[in-house]
Amino acid sequence: MGDETGPLEVDDEIVLFGREFLDTTDTAWNL
């Protein structure tokens, strides 16, 4: 399941997750 979908879709999800994770870590360090 999911093999039919292009890899770009998965990459976008990972990139968005990574950005959110970095944003949360940045705010934590700023605190």
N, C-alpha and C. Protein backbone atom coordinates (compact mmCIF):
# COMPACT_ATOMS: atom_id res chain seq x y z
N MET A 1 0.85 -1.20 0.00
CA MET A 1 0.00 0.00 0.00
C MET A 1 0.88 1.25 0.00
N GLY A 2 0.59 2.17 -0.93
CA GLY A 2 1.39 3.39 -0.99
C GLY A 2 2.49 3.30 -2.04
N ASP A 3 2.70 2.11 -2.60
CA ASP A 3 3.74 1.97 -3.62
C ASP A 3 3.34 2.69 -4.90
N GLU A 4 2.04 2.76 -5.18
CA GLU A 4 1.56 3.42 -6.41
C GLU A 4 1.79 4.93 -6.35
N THR A 5 1.80 5.51 -5.15
CA THR A 5 1.97 6.96 -5.03
C THR A 5 3.42 7.34 -5.29
N GLY A 6 3.63 8.56 -5.80
CA GLY A 6 4.99 8.99 -6.10
C GLY A 6 5.77 9.27 -4.83
N PRO A 7 7.09 9.20 -4.88
CA PRO A 7 7.94 9.44 -3.71
C PRO A 7 7.88 10.89 -3.24
N LEU A 8 7.50 11.79 -4.17
CA LEU A 8 7.44 13.21 -3.80
C LEU A 8 6.43 13.42 -2.68
N GLU A 9 5.32 12.70 -2.73
CA GLU A 9 4.29 12.87 -1.69
C GLU A 9 4.87 12.54 -0.32
N VAL A 10 5.59 11.43 -0.24
CA VAL A 10 6.19 11.03 1.04
C VAL A 10 7.24 12.05 1.46
N ASP A 11 8.06 12.48 0.50
CA ASP A 11 9.10 13.46 0.83
C ASP A 11 8.47 14.73 1.38
N ASP A 12 7.37 15.18 0.77
CA ASP A 12 6.71 16.41 1.25
C ASP A 12 6.29 16.23 2.70
N GLU A 13 5.74 15.07 3.03
CA GLU A 13 5.29 14.84 4.41
C GLU A 13 6.48 14.88 5.36
N ILE A 14 7.58 14.25 4.94
CA ILE A 14 8.78 14.23 5.80
C ILE A 14 9.32 15.65 5.97
N VAL A 15 9.34 16.41 4.88
CA VAL A 15 9.87 17.79 4.94
C VAL A 15 9.00 18.63 5.88
N LEU A 16 7.68 18.51 5.74
CA LEU A 16 6.79 19.28 6.61
C LEU A 16 7.00 18.88 8.06
N PHE A 17 7.11 17.58 8.32
CA PHE A 17 7.33 17.10 9.69
C PHE A 17 8.66 17.62 10.22
N GLY A 18 9.68 17.60 9.37
CA GLY A 18 11.00 18.07 9.78
C GLY A 18 10.95 19.56 10.13
N ARG A 19 10.25 20.34 9.30
CA ARG A 19 10.17 21.78 9.57
C ARG A 19 9.46 22.02 10.89
N GLU A 20 8.36 21.31 11.13
CA GLU A 20 7.64 21.48 12.39
C GLU A 20 8.53 21.09 13.56
N PHE A 21 9.26 19.99 13.41
CA PHE A 21 10.15 19.53 14.48
C PHE A 21 11.23 20.57 14.76
N LEU A 22 11.83 21.11 13.70
CA LEU A 22 12.87 22.13 13.87
C LEU A 22 12.27 23.37 14.53
N ASP A 23 11.06 23.76 14.12
CA ASP A 23 10.43 24.94 14.71
C ASP A 23 10.22 24.73 16.21
N THR A 24 9.75 23.55 16.59
CA THR A 24 9.51 23.29 18.02
C THR A 24 10.82 23.30 18.79
N THR A 25 11.87 22.71 18.23
CA THR A 25 13.17 22.68 18.91
C THR A 25 13.72 24.09 19.01
N ASP A 26 13.58 24.89 17.95
CA ASP A 26 14.09 26.27 17.98
C ASP A 26 13.40 27.05 19.09
N THR A 27 12.08 26.93 19.20
CA THR A 27 11.35 27.67 20.23
C THR A 27 11.78 27.18 21.61
N ALA A 28 12.02 25.89 21.75
CA ALA A 28 12.43 25.33 23.05
C ALA A 28 13.78 25.92 23.45
N TRP A 29 14.71 25.98 22.49
CA TRP A 29 16.03 26.53 22.80
C TRP A 29 15.92 28.02 23.13
N ASN A 30 15.02 28.72 22.42
CA ASN A 30 14.85 30.15 22.66
C ASN A 30 14.29 30.40 24.06
N LEU A 31 13.50 29.46 24.56
CA LEU A 31 12.96 29.63 25.91
C LEU A 31 14.14 29.58 26.87
